[in-house]
All heavy atoms as atom14 arrays in JSON, in Angstrom:
{
  "sequence": "IVRGVARNRARISFPFPLNVGCWWLAVLPAGLSQRLLAWMGYGRR",
  "atom14_mask": [
    [1, 1, 1, 1, 1, 1, 1, 1, 0, 0, 0, 0, 0, 0],
    [1, 1, 1, 1, 1, 1, 1, 0, 0, 0, 0, 0, 0, 0],
    [1, 1, 1, 1, 1, 1, 1, 1, 1, 1, 1, 0, 0, 0],
    [1, 1, 1, 1, 0, 0, 0, 0, 0, 0, 0, 0, 0, 0],
    [1, 1, 1, 1, 1, 1, 1, 0, 0, 0, 0, 0, 0, 0],
    [1, 1, 1, 1, 1, 0, 0, 0, 0, 0, 0, 0, 0, 0],
    [1, 1, 1, 1, 1, 1, 1, 1, 1, 1, 1, 0, 0, 0],
    [1, 1, 1, 1, 1, 1, 1, 1, 0, 0, 0, 0, 0, 0],
    [1, 1, 1, 1, 1, 1, 1, 1, 1, 1, 1, 0, 0, 0],
    [1, 1, 1, 1, 1, 0, 0, 0, 0, 0, 0, 0, 0, 0],
    [1, 1, 1, 1, 1, 1, 1, 1, 1, 1, 1, 0, 0, 0],
    [1, 1, 1, 1, 1, 1, 1, 1, 0, 0, 0, 0, 0, 0],
    [1, 1, 1, 1, 1, 1, 0, 0, 0, 0, 0, 0, 0, 0],
    [1, 1, 1, 1, 1, 1, 1, 1, 1, 1, 1, 0, 0, 0],
    [1, 1, 1, 1, 1, 1, 1, 0, 0, 0, 0, 0, 0, 0],
    [1, 1, 1, 1, 1, 1, 1, 1, 1, 1, 1, 0, 0, 0],
    [1, 1, 1, 1, 1, 1, 1, 0, 0, 0, 0, 0, 0, 0],
    [1, 1, 1, 1, 1, 1, 1, 1, 0, 0, 0, 0, 0, 0],
    [1, 1, 1, 1, 1, 1, 1, 1, 0, 0, 0, 0, 0, 0],
    [1, 1, 1, 1, 1, 1, 1, 0, 0, 0, 0, 0, 0, 0],
    [1, 1, 1, 1, 0, 0, 0, 0, 0, 0, 0, 0, 0, 0],
    [1, 1, 1, 1, 1, 1, 0, 0, 0, 0, 0, 0, 0, 0],
    [1, 1, 1, 1, 1, 1, 1, 1, 1, 1, 1, 1, 1, 1],
    [1, 1, 1, 1, 1, 1, 1, 1, 1, 1, 1, 1, 1, 1],
    [1, 1, 1, 1, 1, 1, 1, 1, 0, 0, 0, 0, 0, 0],
    [1, 1, 1, 1, 1, 0, 0, 0, 0, 0, 0, 0, 0, 0],
    [1, 1, 1, 1, 1, 1, 1, 0, 0, 0, 0, 0, 0, 0],
    [1, 1, 1, 1, 1, 1, 1, 1, 0, 0, 0, 0, 0, 0],
    [1, 1, 1, 1, 1, 1, 1, 0, 0, 0, 0, 0, 0, 0],
    [1, 1, 1, 1, 1, 0, 0, 0, 0, 0, 0, 0, 0, 0],
    [1, 1, 1, 1, 0, 0, 0, 0, 0, 0, 0, 0, 0, 0],
    [1, 1, 1, 1, 1, 1, 1, 1, 0, 0, 0, 0, 0, 0],
    [1, 1, 1, 1, 1, 1, 0, 0, 0, 0, 0, 0, 0, 0],
    [1, 1, 1, 1, 1, 1, 1, 1, 1, 0, 0, 0, 0, 0],
    [1, 1, 1, 1, 1, 1, 1, 1, 1, 1, 1, 0, 0, 0],
    [1, 1, 1, 1, 1, 1, 1, 1, 0, 0, 0, 0, 0, 0],
    [1, 1, 1, 1, 1, 1, 1, 1, 0, 0, 0, 0, 0, 0],
    [1, 1, 1, 1, 1, 0, 0, 0, 0, 0, 0, 0, 0, 0],
    [1, 1, 1, 1, 1, 1, 1, 1, 1, 1, 1, 1, 1, 1],
    [1, 1, 1, 1, 1, 1, 1, 1, 0, 0, 0, 0, 0, 0],
    [1, 1, 1, 1, 0, 0, 0, 0, 0, 0, 0, 0, 0, 0],
    [1, 1, 1, 1, 1, 1, 1, 1, 1, 1, 1, 1, 0, 0],
    [1, 1, 1, 1, 0, 0, 0, 0, 0, 0, 0, 0, 0, 0],
    [1, 1, 1, 1, 1, 1, 1, 1, 1, 1, 1, 0, 0, 0],
    [1, 1, 1, 1, 1, 1, 1, 1, 1, 1, 1, 0, 0, 0]
  ],
  "atom14_positions": [
    [[107.18, 146.88, 61.94], [106.85, 148.17, 62.54], [106.57, 149.21, 61.46], [105.59, 149.95, 61.53], [107.98, 148.63, 63.47], [108.07, 147.69, 64.69], [107.77, 150.07, 63.92], [109.32, 147.89, 65.53], [0.0, 0.0, 0.0], [0.0, 0.0, 0.0], [0.0, 0.0, 0.0], [0.0, 0.0, 0.0], [0.0, 0.0, 0.0], [0.0, 0.0, 0.0]],
    [[107.42, 149.27, 60.46], [107.25, 150.25, 59.38], [105.92, 150.06, 58.69], [105.19, 151.03, 58.41], [108.43, 150.16, 58.39], [108.14, 150.98, 57.13], [109.72, 150.65, 59.04], [0.0, 0.0, 0.0], [0.0, 0.0, 0.0], [0.0, 0.0, 0.0], [0.0, 0.0, 0.0], [0.0, 0.0, 0.0], [0.0, 0.0, 0.0], [0.0, 0.0, 0.0]],
    [[105.55, 148.81, 58.4], [104.26, 148.55, 57.74], [103.1, 148.98, 58.62], [102.14, 149.6, 58.14], [104.12, 147.06, 57.41], [104.99, 146.57, 56.26], [104.51, 145.22, 55.75], [104.48, 144.2, 56.78], [105.49, 143.36, 57.04], [106.61, 143.46, 56.33], [105.39, 142.45, 57.99], [0.0, 0.0, 0.0], [0.0, 0.0, 0.0], [0.0, 0.0, 0.0]],
    [[103.17, 148.67, 59.9], [102.08, 149.01, 60.8], [101.94, 150.5, 61.01], [100.82, 151.04, 61.06], [0.0, 0.0, 0.0], [0.0, 0.0, 0.0], [0.0, 0.0, 0.0], [0.0, 0.0, 0.0], [0.0, 0.0, 0.0], [0.0, 0.0, 0.0], [0.0, 0.0, 0.0], [0.0, 0.0, 0.0], [0.0, 0.0, 0.0], [0.0, 0.0, 0.0]],
    [[103.07, 151.2, 61.13], [103.04, 152.65, 61.32], [102.44, 153.32, 60.08], [101.65, 154.27, 60.19], [104.45, 153.19, 61.62], [104.48, 154.71, 61.55], [104.9, 152.71, 63.0], [0.0, 0.0, 0.0], [0.0, 0.0, 0.0], [0.0, 0.0, 0.0], [0.0, 0.0, 0.0], [0.0, 0.0, 0.0], [0.0, 0.0, 0.0], [0.0, 0.0, 0.0]],
    [[102.79, 152.84, 58.89], [102.26, 153.41, 57.66], [100.74, 153.31, 57.6], [100.08, 154.15, 56.99], [102.89, 152.72, 56.45], [0.0, 0.0, 0.0], [0.0, 0.0, 0.0], [0.0, 0.0, 0.0], [0.0, 0.0, 0.0], [0.0, 0.0, 0.0], [0.0, 0.0, 0.0], [0.0, 0.0, 0.0], [0.0, 0.0, 0.0], [0.0, 0.0, 0.0]],
    [[100.19, 152.29, 58.26], [98.73, 152.1, 58.28], [98.09, 152.73, 59.51], [96.89, 152.58, 59.72], [98.42, 150.6, 58.26], [98.89, 149.89, 56.99], [98.82, 148.39, 57.13], [99.4, 147.72, 55.96], [99.74, 146.44, 55.92], [99.56, 145.67, 56.99], [100.25, 145.92, 54.83], [0.0, 0.0, 0.0], [0.0, 0.0, 0.0], [0.0, 0.0, 0.0]],
    [[98.89, 153.42, 60.31], [98.41, 154.03, 61.55], [97.67, 153.02, 62.42], [96.61, 153.3, 62.99], [97.49, 155.23, 61.25], [97.12, 156.0, 62.52], [97.86, 156.03, 63.5], [95.94, 156.62, 62.5], [0.0, 0.0, 0.0], [0.0, 0.0, 0.0], [0.0, 0.0, 0.0], [0.0, 0.0, 0.0], [0.0, 0.0, 0.0], [0.0, 0.0, 0.0]],
    [[98.24, 151.85, 62.56], [97.64, 150.83, 63.41], [97.75, 151.24, 64.88], [98.76, 151.81, 65.31], [98.3, 149.48, 63.19], [97.96, 148.84, 61.85], [98.59, 147.48, 61.71], [98.26, 146.6, 62.82], [98.8, 145.39, 62.99], [99.7, 144.95, 62.12], [98.46, 144.66, 64.01], [0.0, 0.0, 0.0], [0.0, 0.0, 0.0], [0.0, 0.0, 0.0]],
    [[96.72, 150.96, 65.64], [96.73, 151.31, 67.06], [97.78, 150.5, 67.81], [98.44, 151.02, 68.71], [95.35, 151.08, 67.66], [0.0, 0.0, 0.0], [0.0, 0.0, 0.0], [0.0, 0.0, 0.0], [0.0, 0.0, 0.0], [0.0, 0.0, 0.0], [0.0, 0.0, 0.0], [0.0, 0.0, 0.0], [0.0, 0.0, 0.0], [0.0, 0.0, 0.0]],
    [[97.92, 149.24, 67.46], [98.84, 148.36, 68.17], [99.52, 147.45, 67.17], [98.88, 146.86, 66.3], [98.07, 147.52, 69.2], [98.95, 146.62, 70.05], [98.09, 145.71, 70.93], [97.27, 146.48, 71.86], [96.01, 146.18, 72.16], [95.41, 145.14, 71.59], [95.34, 146.92, 73.03], [0.0, 0.0, 0.0], [0.0, 0.0, 0.0], [0.0, 0.0, 0.0]],
    [[100.84, 147.33, 67.3], [101.63, 146.41, 66.46], [102.32, 145.45, 67.41], [103.28, 145.82, 68.1], [102.66, 147.18, 65.62], [101.98, 148.24, 64.76], [103.44, 146.21, 64.74], [102.95, 149.2, 64.09], [0.0, 0.0, 0.0], [0.0, 0.0, 0.0], [0.0, 0.0, 0.0], [0.0, 0.0, 0.0], [0.0, 0.0, 0.0], [0.0, 0.0, 0.0]],
    [[101.8, 144.24, 67.51], [102.33, 143.26, 68.46], [102.75, 142.0, 67.71], [102.01, 141.5, 66.85], [101.28, 142.93, 69.53], [100.03, 142.62, 68.94], [0.0, 0.0, 0.0], [0.0, 0.0, 0.0], [0.0, 0.0, 0.0], [0.0, 0.0, 0.0], [0.0, 0.0, 0.0], [0.0, 0.0, 0.0], [0.0, 0.0, 0.0], [0.0, 0.0, 0.0]],
    [[103.91, 141.49, 68.04], [104.46, 140.33, 67.33], [105.55, 139.7, 68.19], [106.04, 140.33, 69.14], [105.03, 140.78, 65.97], [106.1, 141.85, 66.08], [107.44, 141.52, 66.23], [105.76, 143.2, 66.05], [108.42, 142.49, 66.35], [106.75, 144.19, 66.15], [108.08, 143.83, 66.3], [0.0, 0.0, 0.0], [0.0, 0.0, 0.0], [0.0, 0.0, 0.0]],
    [[105.93, 138.44, 67.88], [105.37, 137.53, 66.88], [104.02, 136.98, 67.34], [103.73, 136.96, 68.55], [106.43, 136.43, 66.77], [107.06, 136.4, 68.13], [107.07, 137.83, 68.6], [0.0, 0.0, 0.0], [0.0, 0.0, 0.0], [0.0, 0.0, 0.0], [0.0, 0.0, 0.0], [0.0, 0.0, 0.0], [0.0, 0.0, 0.0], [0.0, 0.0, 0.0]],
    [[103.23, 136.52, 66.39], [101.85, 136.13, 66.68], [101.73, 135.08, 67.78], [100.92, 135.27, 68.71], [101.17, 135.64, 65.39], [99.76, 135.17, 65.61], [98.73, 136.08, 65.79], [99.47, 133.8, 65.66], [97.43, 135.64, 66.01], [98.18, 133.36, 65.88], [97.15, 134.28, 66.06], [0.0, 0.0, 0.0], [0.0, 0.0, 0.0], [0.0, 0.0, 0.0]],
    [[102.49, 133.97, 67.74], [102.28, 132.95, 68.79], [102.56, 133.48, 70.19], [101.82, 133.2, 71.14], [103.25, 131.83, 68.4], [103.57, 132.06, 66.97], [103.52, 133.55, 66.78], [0.0, 0.0, 0.0], [0.0, 0.0, 0.0], [0.0, 0.0, 0.0], [0.0, 0.0, 0.0], [0.0, 0.0, 0.0], [0.0, 0.0, 0.0], [0.0, 0.0, 0.0]],
    [[103.63, 134.26, 70.32], [103.97, 134.79, 71.65], [102.98, 135.86, 72.08], [102.63, 135.95, 73.27], [105.39, 135.35, 71.63], [106.0, 135.71, 72.99], [106.03, 134.51, 73.92], [107.41, 136.29, 72.81], [0.0, 0.0, 0.0], [0.0, 0.0, 0.0], [0.0, 0.0, 0.0], [0.0, 0.0, 0.0], [0.0, 0.0, 0.0], [0.0, 0.0, 0.0]],
    [[102.5, 136.64, 71.14], [101.5, 137.66, 71.46], [100.23, 137.01, 72.01], [99.66, 137.46, 73.01], [101.17, 138.49, 70.22], [100.13, 139.55, 70.5], [100.24, 140.33, 71.44], [99.08, 139.57, 69.68], [0.0, 0.0, 0.0], [0.0, 0.0, 0.0], [0.0, 0.0, 0.0], [0.0, 0.0, 0.0], [0.0, 0.0, 0.0], [0.0, 0.0, 0.0]],
    [[99.79, 135.95, 71.35], [98.58, 135.25, 71.81], [98.8, 134.68, 73.21], [97.94, 134.8, 74.11], [98.18, 134.14, 70.83], [97.08, 133.26, 71.42], [97.72, 134.74, 69.51], [0.0, 0.0, 0.0], [0.0, 0.0, 0.0], [0.0, 0.0, 0.0], [0.0, 0.0, 0.0], [0.0, 0.0, 0.0], [0.0, 0.0, 0.0], [0.0, 0.0, 0.0]],
    [[99.97, 134.08, 73.43], [100.25, 133.5, 74.74], [100.29, 134.55, 75.84], [99.74, 134.36, 76.93], [0.0, 0.0, 0.0], [0.0, 0.0, 0.0], [0.0, 0.0, 0.0], [0.0, 0.0, 0.0], [0.0, 0.0, 0.0], [0.0, 0.0, 0.0], [0.0, 0.0, 0.0], [0.0, 0.0, 0.0], [0.0, 0.0, 0.0], [0.0, 0.0, 0.0]],
    [[100.92, 135.69, 75.55], [100.99, 136.76, 76.55], [99.63, 137.38, 76.8], [99.3, 137.77, 77.93], [101.99, 137.83, 76.11], [103.72, 137.27, 76.11], [0.0, 0.0, 0.0], [0.0, 0.0, 0.0], [0.0, 0.0, 0.0], [0.0, 0.0, 0.0], [0.0, 0.0, 0.0], [0.0, 0.0, 0.0], [0.0, 0.0, 0.0], [0.0, 0.0, 0.0]],
    [[98.82, 137.49, 75.74], [97.47, 138.02, 75.91], [96.66, 137.12, 76.83], [95.92, 137.61, 77.69], [96.8, 138.14, 74.55], [95.4, 138.66, 74.6], [95.0, 139.96, 74.66], [94.19, 137.88, 74.59], [93.63, 140.05, 74.7], [93.1, 138.79, 74.66], [93.93, 136.51, 74.53], [91.78, 138.36, 74.67], [92.61, 136.09, 74.55], [91.55, 137.01, 74.61]],
    [[96.82, 135.8, 76.68], [96.09, 134.88, 77.55], [96.54, 135.02, 79.0], [95.73, 134.85, 79.92], [96.28, 133.43, 77.08], [95.23, 133.02, 76.08], [95.39, 132.79, 74.75], [93.85, 132.8, 76.37], [94.19, 132.46, 74.18], [93.22, 132.45, 75.14], [93.07, 132.87, 77.53], [91.87, 132.16, 75.06], [91.71, 132.58, 77.45], [91.12, 132.23, 76.22]],
    [[97.81, 135.34, 79.23], [98.26, 135.56, 80.6], [97.5, 136.71, 81.26], [97.27, 136.71, 82.47], [99.76, 135.86, 80.63], [100.7, 134.69, 80.31], [102.14, 135.19, 80.24], [100.57, 133.56, 81.33], [0.0, 0.0, 0.0], [0.0, 0.0, 0.0], [0.0, 0.0, 0.0], [0.0, 0.0, 0.0], [0.0, 0.0, 0.0], [0.0, 0.0, 0.0]],
    [[97.12, 137.71, 80.44], [96.36, 138.84, 80.97], [94.9, 138.48, 81.2], [94.24, 139.06, 82.05], [96.46, 140.03, 80.01], [0.0, 0.0, 0.0], [0.0, 0.0, 0.0], [0.0, 0.0, 0.0], [0.0, 0.0, 0.0], [0.0, 0.0, 0.0], [0.0, 0.0, 0.0], [0.0, 0.0, 0.0], [0.0, 0.0, 0.0], [0.0, 0.0, 0.0]],
    [[94.39, 137.51, 80.44], [92.97, 137.14, 80.5], [92.7, 136.12, 81.59], [91.67, 136.17, 82.29], [92.5, 136.62, 79.13], [91.08, 136.07, 79.22], [92.59, 137.72, 78.09], [0.0, 0.0, 0.0], [0.0, 0.0, 0.0], [0.0, 0.0, 0.0], [0.0, 0.0, 0.0], [0.0, 0.0, 0.0], [0.0, 0.0, 0.0], [0.0, 0.0, 0.0]],
    [[93.62, 135.17, 81.76], [93.43, 134.11, 82.74], [93.47, 134.66, 84.16], [94.0, 135.75, 84.4], [94.53, 133.06, 82.57], [94.51, 132.22, 81.3], [95.8, 131.41, 81.19], [93.29, 131.3, 81.27], [0.0, 0.0, 0.0], [0.0, 0.0, 0.0], [0.0, 0.0, 0.0], [0.0, 0.0, 0.0], [0.0, 0.0, 0.0], [0.0, 0.0, 0.0]],
    [[92.94, 133.92, 85.13], [93.11, 134.33, 86.53], [94.59, 134.53, 86.86], [95.43, 133.72, 86.44], [92.51, 133.17, 87.31], [91.52, 132.55, 86.37], [92.12, 132.7, 85.01], [0.0, 0.0, 0.0], [0.0, 0.0, 0.0], [0.0, 0.0, 0.0], [0.0, 0.0, 0.0], [0.0, 0.0, 0.0], [0.0, 0.0, 0.0], [0.0, 0.0, 0.0]],
    [[94.89, 135.58, 87.6], [96.29, 135.95, 87.85], [97.08, 134.82, 88.51], [98.25, 134.6, 88.19], [96.36, 137.2, 88.7], [0.0, 0.0, 0.0], [0.0, 0.0, 0.0], [0.0, 0.0, 0.0], [0.0, 0.0, 0.0], [0.0, 0.0, 0.0], [0.0, 0.0, 0.0], [0.0, 0.0, 0.0], [0.0, 0.0, 0.0], [0.0, 0.0, 0.0]],
    [[96.45, 134.1, 89.42], [97.15, 133.01, 90.09], [97.58, 131.93, 89.12], [98.68, 131.39, 89.21], [0.0, 0.0, 0.0], [0.0, 0.0, 0.0], [0.0, 0.0, 0.0], [0.0, 0.0, 0.0], [0.0, 0.0, 0.0], [0.0, 0.0, 0.0], [0.0, 0.0, 0.0], [0.0, 0.0, 0.0], [0.0, 0.0, 0.0], [0.0, 0.0, 0.0]],
    [[96.7, 131.6, 88.17], [97.04, 130.6, 87.16], [98.15, 131.1, 86.25], [99.08, 130.35, 85.91], [95.79, 130.25, 86.35], [95.99, 129.26, 85.19], [96.58, 127.94, 85.69], [94.66, 129.02, 84.47], [0.0, 0.0, 0.0], [0.0, 0.0, 0.0], [0.0, 0.0, 0.0], [0.0, 0.0, 0.0], [0.0, 0.0, 0.0], [0.0, 0.0, 0.0]],
    [[98.08, 132.36, 85.86], [99.13, 132.93, 85.02], [100.49, 132.88, 85.7], [101.51, 132.56, 85.08], [98.79, 134.37, 84.65], [97.61, 134.44, 83.87], [0.0, 0.0, 0.0], [0.0, 0.0, 0.0], [0.0, 0.0, 0.0], [0.0, 0.0, 0.0], [0.0, 0.0, 0.0], [0.0, 0.0, 0.0], [0.0, 0.0, 0.0], [0.0, 0.0, 0.0]],
    [[100.51, 133.16, 87.0], [101.77, 133.11, 87.74], [102.34, 131.7, 87.77], [103.55, 131.49, 87.62], [101.58, 133.64, 89.16], [101.33, 135.14, 89.24], [102.56, 135.93, 88.83], [103.69, 135.56, 89.14], [102.34, 137.04, 88.14], [0.0, 0.0, 0.0], [0.0, 0.0, 0.0], [0.0, 0.0, 0.0], [0.0, 0.0, 0.0], [0.0, 0.0, 0.0]],
    [[101.48, 130.72, 87.95], [101.95, 129.32, 87.95], [102.49, 128.92, 86.58], [103.5, 128.21, 86.48], [100.82, 128.39, 88.4], [100.49, 128.5, 89.88], [99.65, 127.33, 90.37], [98.33, 127.33, 89.78], [97.27, 127.97, 90.28], [97.4, 128.7, 91.38], [96.09, 127.9, 89.68], [0.0, 0.0, 0.0], [0.0, 0.0, 0.0], [0.0, 0.0, 0.0]],
    [[101.82, 129.37, 85.52], [102.28, 129.06, 84.17], [103.65, 129.7, 83.91], [104.52, 129.06, 83.31], [101.26, 129.57, 83.15], [99.96, 128.77, 83.03], [98.97, 129.5, 82.13], [100.24, 127.37, 82.48], [0.0, 0.0, 0.0], [0.0, 0.0, 0.0], [0.0, 0.0, 0.0], [0.0, 0.0, 0.0], [0.0, 0.0, 0.0], [0.0, 0.0, 0.0]],
    [[103.84, 130.93, 84.34], [105.12, 131.6, 84.13], [106.24, 130.89, 84.87], [107.35, 130.73, 84.34], [105.03, 133.06, 84.57], [104.27, 134.0, 83.63], [103.99, 135.33, 84.31], [105.05, 134.22, 82.35], [0.0, 0.0, 0.0], [0.0, 0.0, 0.0], [0.0, 0.0, 0.0], [0.0, 0.0, 0.0], [0.0, 0.0, 0.0], [0.0, 0.0, 0.0]],
    [[105.97, 130.45, 86.09], [106.97, 129.71, 86.85], [107.32, 128.39, 86.17], [108.49, 128.01, 86.07], [106.49, 129.47, 88.27], [0.0, 0.0, 0.0], [0.0, 0.0, 0.0], [0.0, 0.0, 0.0], [0.0, 0.0, 0.0], [0.0, 0.0, 0.0], [0.0, 0.0, 0.0], [0.0, 0.0, 0.0], [0.0, 0.0, 0.0], [0.0, 0.0, 0.0]],
    [[106.3, 127.71, 85.65], [106.5, 126.44, 84.97], [107.33, 126.62, 83.69], [108.15, 125.78, 83.33], [105.14, 125.84, 84.63], [105.23, 124.57, 83.82], [105.62, 123.33, 84.24], [104.93, 124.44, 82.42], [105.57, 122.43, 83.21], [105.15, 123.08, 82.08], [104.46, 125.32, 81.45], [104.94, 122.59, 80.79], [104.25, 124.84, 80.17], [104.49, 123.49, 79.84]],
    [[107.16, 127.78, 83.02], [107.89, 128.05, 81.76], [109.29, 128.58, 81.99], [110.03, 128.78, 81.05], [107.1, 129.03, 80.9], [105.81, 128.44, 80.32], [104.96, 129.55, 79.16], [104.36, 130.8, 80.28], [0.0, 0.0, 0.0], [0.0, 0.0, 0.0], [0.0, 0.0, 0.0], [0.0, 0.0, 0.0], [0.0, 0.0, 0.0], [0.0, 0.0, 0.0]],
    [[109.68, 128.78, 83.25], [111.04, 129.21, 83.53], [111.23, 130.67, 83.82], [112.36, 131.17, 83.85], [0.0, 0.0, 0.0], [0.0, 0.0, 0.0], [0.0, 0.0, 0.0], [0.0, 0.0, 0.0], [0.0, 0.0, 0.0], [0.0, 0.0, 0.0], [0.0, 0.0, 0.0], [0.0, 0.0, 0.0], [0.0, 0.0, 0.0], [0.0, 0.0, 0.0]],
    [[110.11, 131.41, 84.06], [110.21, 132.84, 84.32], [110.09, 133.18, 85.8], [110.06, 134.35, 86.17], [109.13, 133.6, 83.55], [109.31, 133.56, 82.05], [108.63, 132.63, 81.27], [110.19, 134.43, 81.42], [108.8, 132.58, 79.9], [110.38, 134.4, 80.05], [109.67, 133.46, 79.3], [109.85, 133.42, 77.93], [0.0, 0.0, 0.0], [0.0, 0.0, 0.0]],
    [[110.0, 132.18, 86.64], [109.87, 132.42, 88.08], [111.21, 132.42, 88.79], [112.24, 132.07, 88.22], [0.0, 0.0, 0.0], [0.0, 0.0, 0.0], [0.0, 0.0, 0.0], [0.0, 0.0, 0.0], [0.0, 0.0, 0.0], [0.0, 0.0, 0.0], [0.0, 0.0, 0.0], [0.0, 0.0, 0.0], [0.0, 0.0, 0.0], [0.0, 0.0, 0.0]],
    [[111.18, 132.77, 90.04], [112.39, 132.82, 90.85], [112.76, 131.42, 91.3], [111.92, 130.63, 91.71], [112.17, 133.72, 92.06], [113.39, 133.88, 92.95], [113.1, 134.82, 94.09], [114.27, 135.05, 94.93], [114.3, 135.89, 95.93], [113.22, 136.58, 96.25], [115.4, 136.04, 96.64], [0.0, 0.0, 0.0], [0.0, 0.0, 0.0], [0.0, 0.0, 0.0]],
    [[114.05, 131.12, 91.22], [114.52, 129.81, 91.69], [114.55, 129.8, 93.22], [114.89, 130.79, 93.86], [115.92, 129.51, 91.15], [115.98, 129.33, 89.64], [117.32, 128.78, 89.23], [118.42, 129.66, 89.63], [118.89, 130.63, 88.87], [118.36, 130.89, 87.7], [119.91, 131.37, 89.29], [0.0, 0.0, 0.0], [0.0, 0.0, 0.0], [0.0, 0.0, 0.0]]
  ]
}
């Protein structure tokens, strides 16, 4: 965060693998993203 703020970065998102995965959840069709989240353990039992 300190490094990114010093460079006045618009967005500081990390860690890289999780950021990419979450970004894809926003890009994919919402229905598919919901199924993926449930499969990964983030859905309601």
